Amino acid sequence: MKSRYLTETERPEYDALITRWLDEQSTDVDSIPYKIALYHDGYMYRSITCSGLGEYSSASSFLESQGLVNALKPDETCRGYDALFVTAQEYKKAFPAR
């Protein structure tokens, strides 16, 4: 898995947990890329690129275990991302029509 910050905005408290988890993951396999965006305070602030469906499922499960929800429907993408994770509170505020 690879990760990068998309903006220089303030990072949420839970970002340190995500960074530690990502540091424990391998980056050896090159497979079909699946992209995850993390949303905070009105911005997509971080991108995670997973190598293959297994890494994508693992990353999604970890993010959900941290209380984040995927704002996208299973067949939906947003700006090239397969998932857009956000806190439940921000989800209700940023995506009220869903």
C-alpha atoms as a PDB file:
ATOM      1  CA  MET A   1       0.000   0.000   0.000  1.00  0.00           C
ATOM      2  CA  LYS A   2       1.087   3.500  -0.739  1.00  0.00           C
ATOM      3  CA  SER A   3      -0.184   6.674   0.853  1.00  0.00           C
ATOM      4  CA  ARG A   4       0.185  10.374   0.246  1.00  0.00           C
ATOM      5  CA  TYR A   5      -1.317  13.568   1.571  1.00  0.00           C
ATOM      6  CA  LEU A   6      -3.402  15.531  -0.906  1.00  0.00           C
ATOM      7  CA  THR A   7      -3.609  18.838   0.976  1.00  0.00           C
ATOM      8  CA  GLU A   8      -1.788  20.676   3.711  1.00  0.00           C
ATOM      9  CA  THR A   9      -4.884  20.951   5.917  1.00  0.00           C
ATOM     10  CA  GLU A  10      -5.004  20.036   9.587  1.00  0.00           C
ATOM     11  CA  ARG A  11      -5.032  16.281  10.002  1.00  0.00           C
ATOM     12  CA  PRO A  12      -7.613  14.556  12.174  1.00  0.00           C
ATOM     13  CA  GLU A  13      -6.596  12.875  15.425  1.00  0.00           C
ATOM     14  CA  TYR A  14      -7.169   9.411  13.984  1.00  0.00           C
ATOM     15  CA  ASP A  15      -4.631  10.006  11.191  1.00  0.00           C
ATOM     16  CA  ALA A  16      -1.758   8.863  13.423  1.00  0.00           C
ATOM     17  CA  LEU A  17      -3.465   5.455  13.836  1.00  0.00           C
ATOM     18  CA  ILE A  18      -3.833   5.167  10.070  1.00  0.00           C
ATOM     19  CA  THR A  19      -0.161   6.044   9.572  1.00  0.00           C
ATOM     20  CA  ARG A  20       0.955   3.397  12.101  1.00  0.00           C
ATOM     21  CA  TRP A  21      -1.264   0.775  10.470  1.00  0.00           C
ATOM     22  CA  LEU A  22       0.026   1.647   6.996  1.00  0.00           C
ATOM     23  CA  ASP A  23       3.636   1.412   8.214  1.00  0.00           C
ATOM     24  CA  GLU A  24       2.946  -2.207   9.213  1.00  0.00           C
ATOM     25  CA  GLN A  25       1.621  -3.163   5.769  1.00  0.00           C
ATOM     26  CA  SER A  26       3.771  -4.558   2.963  1.00  0.00           C
ATOM     27  CA  THR A  27       4.214  -2.811  -0.376  1.00  0.00           C
ATOM     28  CA  ASP A  28       5.738  -5.729  -2.296  1.00  0.00           C
ATOM     29  CA  VAL A  29       2.949  -6.818  -4.642  1.00  0.00           C
ATOM     30  CA  ASP A  30       2.010  -4.961  -7.804  1.00  0.00           C
ATOM     31  CA  SER A  31      -1.557  -5.684  -8.796  1.00  0.00           C
ATOM     32  CA  ILE A  32      -4.667  -3.824  -9.918  1.00  0.00           C
ATOM     33  CA  PRO A  33      -4.719  -0.527  -7.988  1.00  0.00           C
ATOM     34  CA  TYR A  34      -7.696   0.366  -5.823  1.00  0.00           C
ATOM     35  CA  LYS A  35      -7.721   3.916  -4.492  1.00  0.00           C
ATOM     36  CA  ILE A  36      -9.159   5.136  -1.196  1.00  0.00           C
ATOM     37  CA  ALA A  37      -9.568   8.798  -0.264  1.00  0.00           C
ATOM     38  CA  LEU A  38      -9.856  10.027   3.307  1.00  0.00           C
ATOM     39  CA  TYR A  39     -12.086  13.056   3.862  1.00  0.00           C
ATOM     40  CA  HIS A  40     -11.779  15.504   6.742  1.00  0.00           C
ATOM     41  CA  ASP A  41     -13.011  19.025   7.402  1.00  0.00           C
ATOM     42  CA  GLY A  42     -14.373  19.538   3.884  1.00  0.00           C
ATOM     43  CA  TYR A  43     -11.384  18.126   1.969  1.00  0.00           C
ATOM     44  CA  MET A  44     -10.039  14.866   0.653  1.00  0.00           C
ATOM     45  CA  TYR A  45      -6.796  15.080   2.582  1.00  0.00           C
ATOM     46  CA  ARG A  46      -5.135  11.678   2.076  1.00  0.00           C
ATOM     47  CA  SER A  47      -4.977   8.984  -0.582  1.00  0.00           C
ATOM     48  CA  ILE A  48      -4.241   5.301  -0.077  1.00  0.00           C
ATOM     49  CA  THR A  49      -3.477   3.157  -3.113  1.00  0.00           C
ATOM     50  CA  CYS A  50      -3.976  -0.536  -2.495  1.00  0.00           C
ATOM     51  CA  SER A  51      -2.406  -3.231  -4.645  1.00  0.00           C
ATOM     52  CA  GLY A  52      -5.204  -5.654  -5.406  1.00  0.00           C
ATOM     53  CA  LEU A  53      -8.580  -6.414  -3.936  1.00  0.00           C
ATOM     54  CA  GLY A  54      -7.118  -8.134  -0.860  1.00  0.00           C
ATOM     55  CA  GLU A  55      -5.276  -4.997   0.238  1.00  0.00           C
ATOM     56  CA  TYR A  56      -8.328  -2.882  -0.543  1.00  0.00           C
ATOM     57  CA  SER A  57     -10.539  -5.124   1.615  1.00  0.00           C
ATOM     58  CA  SER A  58      -7.980  -5.083   4.428  1.00  0.00           C
ATOM     59  CA  ALA A  59      -7.670  -1.285   4.334  1.00  0.00           C
ATOM     60  CA  SER A  60     -11.441  -0.826   4.194  1.00  0.00           C
ATOM     61  CA  SER A  61     -11.936  -3.159   7.160  1.00  0.00           C
ATOM     62  CA  PHE A  62      -9.297  -1.319   9.171  1.00  0.00           C
ATOM     63  CA  LEU A  63     -10.814   2.092   8.427  1.00  0.00           C
ATOM     64  CA  GLU A  64     -14.288   0.821   9.356  1.00  0.00           C
ATOM     65  CA  SER A  65     -12.876  -0.557  12.610  1.00  0.00           C
ATOM     66  CA  GLN A  66     -11.721   2.980  13.397  1.00  0.00           C
ATOM     67  CA  GLY A  67     -15.288   4.277  13.041  1.00  0.00           C
ATOM     68  CA  LEU A  68     -15.006   5.629   9.497  1.00  0.00           C
ATOM     69  CA  VAL A  69     -17.672   4.980   6.869  1.00  0.00           C
ATOM     70  CA  ASN A  70     -17.428   4.756   3.103  1.00  0.00           C
ATOM     71  CA  ALA A  71     -19.494   7.606   1.653  1.00  0.00           C
ATOM     72  CA  LEU A  72     -19.660   5.904  -1.758  1.00  0.00           C
ATOM     73  CA  LYS A  73     -22.091   3.234  -2.842  1.00  0.00           C
ATOM     74  CA  PRO A  74     -20.496  -0.096  -3.934  1.00  0.00           C
ATOM     75  CA  ASP A  75     -20.780   0.704  -7.661  1.00  0.00           C
ATOM     76  CA  GLU A  76     -19.798   4.363  -7.326  1.00  0.00           C
ATOM     77  CA  THR A  77     -16.485   6.221  -7.712  1.00  0.00           C
ATOM     78  CA  CYS A  78     -15.473   9.788  -6.946  1.00  0.00           C
ATOM     79  CA  ARG A  79     -12.633  11.540  -8.768  1.00  0.00           C
ATOM     80  CA  GLY A  80     -11.032   8.195  -9.533  1.00  0.00           C
ATOM     81  CA  TYR A  81     -11.353   6.843  -5.981  1.00  0.00           C
ATOM     82  CA  ASP A  82     -13.063   3.532  -5.281  1.00  0.00           C
ATOM     83  CA  ALA A  83     -13.872   4.540  -1.690  1.00  0.00           C
ATOM     84  CA  LEU A  84     -14.188   7.801   0.243  1.00  0.00           C
ATOM     85  CA  PHE A  85     -13.882   7.307   4.002  1.00  0.00           C
ATOM     86  CA  VAL A  86     -15.155   9.878   6.465  1.00  0.00           C
ATOM     87  CA  THR A  87     -16.298   9.932  10.098  1.00  0.00           C
ATOM     88  CA  ALA A  88     -19.990   9.220  10.637  1.00  0.00           C
ATOM     89  CA  GLN A  89     -20.474  12.758  11.972  1.00  0.00           C
ATOM     90  CA  GLU A  90     -18.855  14.383   8.933  1.00  0.00           C
ATOM     91  CA  TYR A  91     -20.742  12.026   6.635  1.00  0.00           C
ATOM     92  CA  LYS A  92     -24.064  13.335   7.935  1.00  0.00           C
ATOM     93  CA  LYS A  93     -22.869  16.929   7.578  1.00  0.00           C
ATOM     94  CA  ALA A  94     -21.193  16.664   4.156  1.00  0.00           C
ATOM     95  CA  PHE A  95     -23.531  14.163   2.499  1.00  0.00           C
ATOM     96  CA  PRO A  96     -26.999  14.859   3.982  1.00  0.00           C
ATOM     97  CA  ALA A  97     -28.929  13.579   0.954  1.00  0.00           C
ATOM     98  CA  ARG A  98     -27.545  10.037   1.172  1.00  0.00           C
END
